[in-house]
């Protein structure tokens, strides 16, 4: 199995913890028959545009799926391969917001438990798997990129029905509009880094206590 890992970074400086996780994933994934191709998108100040360019490169490759990873996220080695091997077309994990005043995880909509997963309206783009089937189903608008090439806007940012969507929730909205489902794996515990600080927690416990209680 070949998996693209798409990482956008404005300054080309991913967190050291992210690199540690990538190295561990390469080693552990190899033992599971999972191989990785890292697609960096460096210097693009528009995160939606950066993700669109990564998606374009993934679709031009022979990889089976794409896992978007933010450059300030780290995880336990093996979790990314586990996510990539799941059968769901769009599935990811959530992580804590960089806030000291409260514990808050990024989730759009009220999670609906289904087996060991949750069905949600949207997930952040920092650790999410997307299959070719999902991209093929989305009727994305086209625009011309900085080199004059046609780019599909899978990750739109802007207003829709009176609400403002970031690029990650924008993608999830487009996917759900096709009849697709966005899945959250609450067992994956990510670390969200900010310099020497890291924000961690248990999303499964937080959902049970703060949302579903």
C-alpha atoms as a PDB file:
ATOM      1  CA  UNK A   1       0.000   0.000   0.000  1.00  0.00           C
ATOM      2  CA  UNK A   2       1.330   3.439  -0.935  1.00  0.00           C
ATOM      3  CA  UNK A   3       0.171   6.409   1.124  1.00  0.00           C
ATOM      4  CA  UNK A   4       0.854  10.073   0.403  1.00  0.00           C
ATOM      5  CA  UNK A   5       1.374  12.249   3.468  1.00  0.00           C
ATOM      6  CA  UNK A   6       0.585  15.854   2.572  1.00  0.00           C
ATOM      7  CA  UNK A   7       2.176  18.505   4.768  1.00  0.00           C
ATOM      8  CA  UNK A   8       1.681  22.230   4.118  1.00  0.00           C
ATOM      9  CA  UNK A   9       4.123  24.570   5.855  1.00  0.00           C
ATOM     10  CA  UNK A  10       4.438  28.297   5.274  1.00  0.00           C
ATOM     11  CA  UNK A  11       8.098  28.593   6.294  1.00  0.00           C
ATOM     12  CA  UNK A  12       9.444  25.121   5.559  1.00  0.00           C
ATOM     13  CA  UNK A  13      10.048  24.473   9.260  1.00  0.00           C
ATOM     14  CA  UNK A  14       7.976  21.530  10.484  1.00  0.00           C
ATOM     15  CA  UNK A  15       7.974  20.864  14.209  1.00  0.00           C
ATOM     16  CA  UNK A  16      10.710  18.490  15.418  1.00  0.00           C
ATOM     17  CA  UNK A  17       8.012  16.368  17.047  1.00  0.00           C
ATOM     18  CA  UNK A  18       6.267  16.036  13.681  1.00  0.00           C
ATOM     19  CA  UNK A  19       9.503  14.802  12.131  1.00  0.00           C
ATOM     20  CA  UNK A  20       9.988  12.289  14.961  1.00  0.00           C
ATOM     21  CA  UNK A  21       6.510  10.906  14.264  1.00  0.00           C
ATOM     22  CA  UNK A  22       7.201  10.732  10.520  1.00  0.00           C
ATOM     23  CA  UNK A  23      10.421   8.785  11.064  1.00  0.00           C
ATOM     24  CA  UNK A  24       8.718   6.348  13.432  1.00  0.00           C
ATOM     25  CA  UNK A  25       5.839   5.926  10.988  1.00  0.00           C
ATOM     26  CA  UNK A  26       8.194   5.113   8.114  1.00  0.00           C
ATOM     27  CA  UNK A  27       9.803   2.324  10.150  1.00  0.00           C
ATOM     28  CA  UNK A  28       6.618   0.847  11.612  1.00  0.00           C
ATOM     29  CA  UNK A  29       4.630   1.217   8.397  1.00  0.00           C
ATOM     30  CA  UNK A  30       7.235  -0.699   6.407  1.00  0.00           C
ATOM     31  CA  UNK A  31       6.708  -3.688   8.683  1.00  0.00           C
ATOM     32  CA  UNK A  32       2.977  -3.541   7.914  1.00  0.00           C
ATOM     33  CA  UNK A  33       3.452  -3.300   4.165  1.00  0.00           C
ATOM     34  CA  UNK A  34       2.589   0.409   4.136  1.00  0.00           C
ATOM     35  CA  UNK A  35       4.932   2.733   2.237  1.00  0.00           C
ATOM     36  CA  UNK A  36       4.863   6.520   2.416  1.00  0.00           C
ATOM     37  CA  UNK A  37       5.516   9.368   0.020  1.00  0.00           C
ATOM     38  CA  UNK A  38       5.699  12.758   1.742  1.00  0.00           C
ATOM     39  CA  UNK A  39       4.324  15.666  -0.296  1.00  0.00           C
ATOM     40  CA  UNK A  40       5.516  18.993   1.099  1.00  0.00           C
ATOM     41  CA  UNK A  41       3.854  22.247   0.072  1.00  0.00           C
ATOM     42  CA  UNK A  42       6.163  25.028   1.236  1.00  0.00           C
ATOM     43  CA  UNK A  43       5.632  28.778   1.170  1.00  0.00           C
ATOM     44  CA  UNK A  44       1.952  28.980   0.252  1.00  0.00           C
ATOM     45  CA  UNK A  45       0.302  31.487   2.595  1.00  0.00           C
ATOM     46  CA  UNK A  46      -3.228  30.310   1.728  1.00  0.00           C
ATOM     47  CA  UNK A  47      -3.803  27.005   3.499  1.00  0.00           C
ATOM     48  CA  UNK A  48      -6.707  26.029   1.247  1.00  0.00           C
ATOM     49  CA  UNK A  49      -4.599  26.617  -1.860  1.00  0.00           C
ATOM     50  CA  UNK A  50      -1.743  24.622  -0.320  1.00  0.00           C
ATOM     51  CA  UNK A  51      -4.031  21.669   0.363  1.00  0.00           C
ATOM     52  CA  UNK A  52      -5.441  21.870  -3.174  1.00  0.00           C
ATOM     53  CA  UNK A  53      -1.935  21.666  -4.633  1.00  0.00           C
ATOM     54  CA  UNK A  54      -1.147  18.667  -2.435  1.00  0.00           C
ATOM     55  CA  UNK A  55      -4.363  16.979  -3.593  1.00  0.00           C
ATOM     56  CA  UNK A  56      -3.411  17.638  -7.233  1.00  0.00           C
ATOM     57  CA  UNK A  57      -0.019  15.985  -6.740  1.00  0.00           C
ATOM     58  CA  UNK A  58      -1.569  13.038  -4.907  1.00  0.00           C
ATOM     59  CA  UNK A  59      -4.061  12.430  -7.715  1.00  0.00           C
ATOM     60  CA  UNK A  60      -1.204  12.467 -10.236  1.00  0.00           C
ATOM     61  CA  UNK A  61       0.621   9.771  -8.243  1.00  0.00           C
ATOM     62  CA  UNK A  62      -0.066   6.057  -7.921  1.00  0.00           C
ATOM     63  CA  UNK A  63      -0.762   6.254  -4.188  1.00  0.00           C
ATOM     64  CA  UNK A  64      -3.859   4.644  -2.702  1.00  0.00           C
ATOM     65  CA  UNK A  65      -4.849   7.455  -0.367  1.00  0.00           C
ATOM     66  CA  UNK A  66      -3.760  10.810   1.011  1.00  0.00           C
ATOM     67  CA  UNK A  67      -3.321  11.670   4.680  1.00  0.00           C
ATOM     68  CA  UNK A  68      -3.150  15.387   5.385  1.00  0.00           C
ATOM     69  CA  UNK A  69      -0.887  16.227   8.323  1.00  0.00           C
ATOM     70  CA  UNK A  70      -0.218  19.665   9.748  1.00  0.00           C
ATOM     71  CA  UNK A  71       3.380  20.632  10.486  1.00  0.00           C
ATOM     72  CA  UNK A  72       2.641  21.236  14.191  1.00  0.00           C
ATOM     73  CA  UNK A  73       1.005  17.849  14.879  1.00  0.00           C
ATOM     74  CA  UNK A  74       2.652  14.719  16.271  1.00  0.00           C
ATOM     75  CA  UNK A  75       1.323  11.241  16.960  1.00  0.00           C
ATOM     76  CA  UNK A  76       2.305   7.799  18.184  1.00  0.00           C
ATOM     77  CA  UNK A  77       4.091   5.809  15.502  1.00  0.00           C
ATOM     78  CA  UNK A  78       1.771   3.390  13.727  1.00  0.00           C
ATOM     79  CA  UNK A  79      -1.372   5.508  14.113  1.00  0.00           C
ATOM     80  CA  UNK A  80      -1.093   7.021  10.639  1.00  0.00           C
ATOM     81  CA  UNK A  81      -0.725   3.620   8.976  1.00  0.00           C
ATOM     82  CA  UNK A  82      -3.696   2.357  10.985  1.00  0.00           C
ATOM     83  CA  UNK A  83      -5.775   5.310   9.787  1.00  0.00           C
ATOM     84  CA  UNK A  84      -4.707   4.837   6.163  1.00  0.00           C
ATOM     85  CA  UNK A  85      -5.666   1.151   6.204  1.00  0.00           C
ATOM     86  CA  UNK A  86      -9.205   1.777   7.435  1.00  0.00           C
ATOM     87  CA  UNK A  87     -11.938   1.282   4.795  1.00  0.00           C
ATOM     88  CA  UNK A  88     -13.649   4.664   5.304  1.00  0.00           C
ATOM     89  CA  UNK A  89     -13.126   7.238   2.538  1.00  0.00           C
ATOM     90  CA  UNK A  90     -12.787  10.278   4.809  1.00  0.00           C
ATOM     91  CA  UNK A  91     -11.646   9.600   8.352  1.00  0.00           C
ATOM     92  CA  UNK A  92      -9.389  11.436  10.728  1.00  0.00           C
ATOM     93  CA  UNK A  93      -8.543  12.417  14.261  1.00  0.00           C
ATOM     94  CA  UNK A  94      -9.012  15.623  16.184  1.00  0.00           C
ATOM     95  CA  UNK A  95      -6.677  17.552  18.451  1.00  0.00           C
ATOM     96  CA  UNK A  96      -6.752  20.190  21.142  1.00  0.00           C
ATOM     97  CA  UNK A  97      -6.934  23.851  20.303  1.00  0.00           C
ATOM     98  CA  UNK A  98      -3.932  25.913  21.413  1.00  0.00           C
ATOM     99  CA  UNK A  99      -5.776  27.440  24.344  1.00  0.00           C
ATOM    100  CA  UNK A 100      -4.661  27.667  27.960  1.00  0.00           C
ATOM    101  CA  UNK A 101      -8.018  28.795  29.363  1.00  0.00           C
ATOM    102  CA  UNK A 102      -9.961  25.656  28.454  1.00  0.00           C
ATOM    103  CA  UNK A 103      -9.748  22.199  26.940  1.00  0.00           C
ATOM    104  CA  UNK A 104     -11.320  22.292  23.482  1.00  0.00           C
ATOM    105  CA  UNK A 105     -11.078  19.824  20.612  1.00  0.00           C
ATOM    106  CA  UNK A 106     -11.743  20.763  17.001  1.00  0.00           C
ATOM    107  CA  UNK A 107     -14.974  19.101  15.799  1.00  0.00           C
ATOM    108  CA  UNK A 108     -17.748  20.469  13.584  1.00  0.00           C
ATOM    109  CA  UNK A 109     -21.249  19.363  14.510  1.00  0.00           C
ATOM    110  CA  UNK A 110     -22.448  16.991  17.228  1.00  0.00           C
ATOM    111  CA  UNK A 111     -20.646  13.622  17.101  1.00  0.00           C
ATOM    112  CA  UNK A 112     -22.868  10.581  16.533  1.00  0.00           C
ATOM    113  CA  UNK A 113     -21.397   7.321  17.871  1.00  0.00           C
ATOM    114  CA  UNK A 114     -21.301   4.447  15.379  1.00  0.00           C
ATOM    115  CA  UNK A 115     -19.328   1.464  16.645  1.00  0.00           C
ATOM    116  CA  UNK A 116     -15.820   2.570  17.567  1.00  0.00           C
ATOM    117  CA  UNK A 117     -16.101   5.763  15.493  1.00  0.00           C
ATOM    118  CA  UNK A 118     -18.092   8.985  15.492  1.00  0.00           C
ATOM    119  CA  UNK A 119     -19.965  10.434  12.551  1.00  0.00           C
ATOM    120  CA  UNK A 120     -19.317  14.206  12.445  1.00  0.00           C
ATOM    121  CA  UNK A 121     -20.068  17.169  10.196  1.00  0.00           C
ATOM    122  CA  UNK A 122     -16.427  18.153   9.875  1.00  0.00           C
ATOM    123  CA  UNK A 123     -12.879  17.549  11.077  1.00  0.00           C
ATOM    124  CA  UNK A 124      -9.783  19.734  11.152  1.00  0.00           C
ATOM    125  CA  UNK A 125      -7.336  19.139   8.324  1.00  0.00           C
ATOM    126  CA  UNK A 126      -4.340  18.301  10.487  1.00  0.00           C
ATOM    127  CA  UNK A 127      -4.682  14.496  10.505  1.00  0.00           C
ATOM    128  CA  UNK A 128      -7.230  13.200   8.018  1.00  0.00           C
ATOM    129  CA  UNK A 129      -7.247  10.418   5.420  1.00  0.00           C
ATOM    130  CA  UNK A 130      -8.928  10.987   2.036  1.00  0.00           C
ATOM    131  CA  UNK A 131      -9.304   8.373  -0.692  1.00  0.00           C
ATOM    132  CA  UNK A 132      -9.294   8.798  -4.457  1.00  0.00           C
ATOM    133  CA  UNK A 133     -12.975   7.857  -4.425  1.00  0.00           C
ATOM    134  CA  UNK A 134     -13.764  10.860  -2.225  1.00  0.00           C
ATOM    135  CA  UNK A 135     -11.897  13.308  -4.453  1.00  0.00           C
ATOM    136  CA  UNK A 136     -13.541  11.831  -7.574  1.00  0.00           C
ATOM    137  CA  UNK A 137     -17.010  12.294  -6.092  1.00  0.00           C
ATOM    138  CA  UNK A 138     -16.590  15.997  -5.307  1.00  0.00           C
ATOM    139  CA  UNK A 139     -17.590  18.384  -8.143  1.00  0.00           C
ATOM    140  CA  UNK A 140     -14.903  20.908  -7.237  1.00  0.00           C
ATOM    141  CA  UNK A 141     -14.668  24.262  -8.987  1.00  0.00           C
ATOM    142  CA  UNK A 142     -11.517  24.897 -11.015  1.00  0.00           C
ATOM    143  CA  UNK A 143      -9.198  27.890 -10.823  1.00  0.00           C
ATOM    144  CA  UNK A 144      -5.804  28.714 -12.298  1.00  0.00           C
ATOM    145  CA  UNK A 145      -2.790  28.398 -10.015  1.00  0.00           C
ATOM    146  CA  UNK A 146       0.323  30.515  -9.798  1.00  0.00           C
ATOM    147  CA  UNK A 147       1.923  28.656 -12.725  1.00  0.00           C
ATOM    148  CA  UNK A 148      -1.225  28.919 -14.841  1.00  0.00           C
ATOM    149  CA  UNK A 149      -2.227  25.317 -14.218  1.00  0.00           C
ATOM    150  CA  UNK A 150      -5.825  24.262 -13.527  1.00  0.00           C
ATOM    151  CA  UNK A 151      -6.386  23.418  -9.857  1.00  0.00           C
ATOM    152  CA  UNK A 152      -9.503  21.838  -8.345  1.00  0.00           C
ATOM    153  CA  UNK A 153     -10.776  23.693  -5.270  1.00  0.00           C
ATOM    154  CA  UNK A 154     -11.401  20.742  -2.973  1.00  0.00           C
ATOM    155  CA  UNK A 155     -10.654  22.877   0.081  1.00  0.00           C
ATOM    156  CA  UNK A 156     -12.712  26.058  -0.374  1.00  0.00           C
ATOM    157  CA  UNK A 157     -12.691  28.859   2.165  1.00  0.00           C
ATOM    158  CA  UNK A 158     -15.614  31.251   2.433  1.00  0.00           C
ATOM    159  CA  UNK A 159     -19.278  31.755   3.196  1.00  0.00           C
ATOM    160  CA  UNK A 160     -21.951  29.147   2.530  1.00  0.00           C
ATOM    161  CA  UNK A 161     -25.560  29.511   3.655  1.00  0.00           C
ATOM    162  CA  UNK A 162     -24.593  32.352   5.962  1.00  0.00           C
ATOM    163  CA  UNK A 163     -21.747  30.495   7.669  1.00  0.00           C
ATOM    164  CA  UNK A 164     -18.013  30.941   7.179  1.00  0.00           C
ATOM    165  CA  UNK A 165     -16.072  27.754   6.530  1.00  0.00           C
ATOM    166  CA  UNK A 166     -12.343  27.238   6.792  1.00  0.00           C
ATOM    167  CA  UNK A 167     -10.750  25.059   4.141  1.00  0.00           C
ATOM    168  CA  UNK A 168     -10.942  21.853   6.188  1.00  0.00           C
ATOM    169  CA  UNK A 169     -14.616  22.161   7.061  1.00  0.00           C
ATOM    170  CA  UNK A 170     -15.181  23.388   3.501  1.00  0.00           C
ATOM    171  CA  UNK A 171     -13.832  20.084   2.179  1.00  0.00           C
ATOM    172  CA  UNK A 172     -15.976  18.125   4.626  1.00  0.00           C
ATOM    173  CA  UNK A 173     -19.061  20.065   3.512  1.00  0.00           C
ATOM    174  CA  UNK A 174     -18.398  19.267  -0.152  1.00  0.00           C
ATOM    175  CA  UNK A 175     -17.886  15.596   0.665  1.00  0.00           C
ATOM    176  CA  UNK A 176     -21.059  15.403   2.744  1.00  0.00           C
ATOM    177  CA  UNK A 177     -22.987  17.107  -0.065  1.00  0.00           C
ATOM    178  CA  UNK A 178     -22.176  14.075  -2.246  1.00  0.00           C
ATOM    179  CA  UNK A 179     -23.739  11.780   0.359  1.00  0.00           C
ATOM    180  CA  UNK A 180     -20.395  10.924   1.924  1.00  0.00           C
ATOM    181  CA  UNK A 181     -19.726  10.552   5.640  1.00  0.00           C
ATOM    182  CA  UNK A 182     -16.972  12.160   7.696  1.00  0.00           C
ATOM    183  CA  UNK A 183     -15.667   9.810  10.375  1.00  0.00           C
ATOM    184  CA  UNK A 184     -13.736  10.588  13.548  1.00  0.00           C
ATOM    185  CA  UNK A 185     -11.503   7.976  15.180  1.00  0.00           C
ATOM    186  CA  UNK A 186     -11.508   9.082  18.848  1.00  0.00           C
ATOM    187  CA  UNK A 187      -8.858   6.545  19.869  1.00  0.00           C
ATOM    188  CA  UNK A 188      -6.056   8.542  18.224  1.00  0.00           C
ATOM    189  CA  UNK A 189      -4.471  10.987  20.668  1.00  0.00           C
ATOM    190  CA  UNK A 190      -2.586  13.726  18.854  1.00  0.00           C
ATOM    191  CA  UNK A 191      -0.251  16.390  20.201  1.00  0.00           C
ATOM    192  CA  UNK A 192      -0.644  19.980  18.980  1.00  0.00           C
ATOM    193  CA  UNK A 193       2.628  21.889  19.299  1.00  0.00           C
ATOM    194  CA  UNK A 194       3.363  25.576  19.765  1.00  0.00           C
ATOM    195  CA  UNK A 195       7.085  26.130  20.182  1.00  0.00           C
ATOM    196  CA  UNK A 196       8.075  24.400  23.417  1.00  0.00           C
ATOM    197  CA  UNK A 197       4.431  23.950  24.430  1.00  0.00           C
ATOM    198  CA  UNK A 198       2.233  21.034  23.468  1.00  0.00           C
ATOM    199  CA  UNK A 199      -1.507  20.603  23.884  1.00  0.00           C
ATOM    200  CA  UNK A 200      -2.709  17.068  24.491  1.00  0.00           C
ATOM    201  CA  UNK A 201      -5.753  15.250  25.768  1.00  0.00           C
ATOM    202  CA  UNK A 202      -8.151  12.387  25.229  1.00  0.00           C
ATOM    203  CA  UNK A 203     -10.743  13.286  22.573  1.00  0.00           C
ATOM    204  CA  UNK A 204     -12.911  10.261  23.386  1.00  0.00           C
ATOM    205  CA  UNK A 205     -13.201  11.293  27.029  1.00  0.00           C
ATOM    206  CA  UNK A 206     -13.750  14.962  26.136  1.00  0.00           C
ATOM    207  CA  UNK A 207     -16.586  14.097  23.749  1.00  0.00           C
ATOM    208  CA  UNK A 208     -18.304  11.953  26.380  1.00  0.00           C
ATOM    209  CA  UNK A 209     -17.950  14.566  29.123  1.00  0.00           C
ATOM    210  CA  UNK A 210     -18.432  17.842  27.241  1.00  0.00           C
ATOM    211  CA  UNK A 211     -20.706  17.014  24.310  1.00  0.00           C
ATOM    212  CA  UNK A 212     -22.627  13.799  24.885  1.00  0.00           C
ATOM    213  CA  UNK A 213     -23.090  14.054  28.662  1.00  0.00           C
END
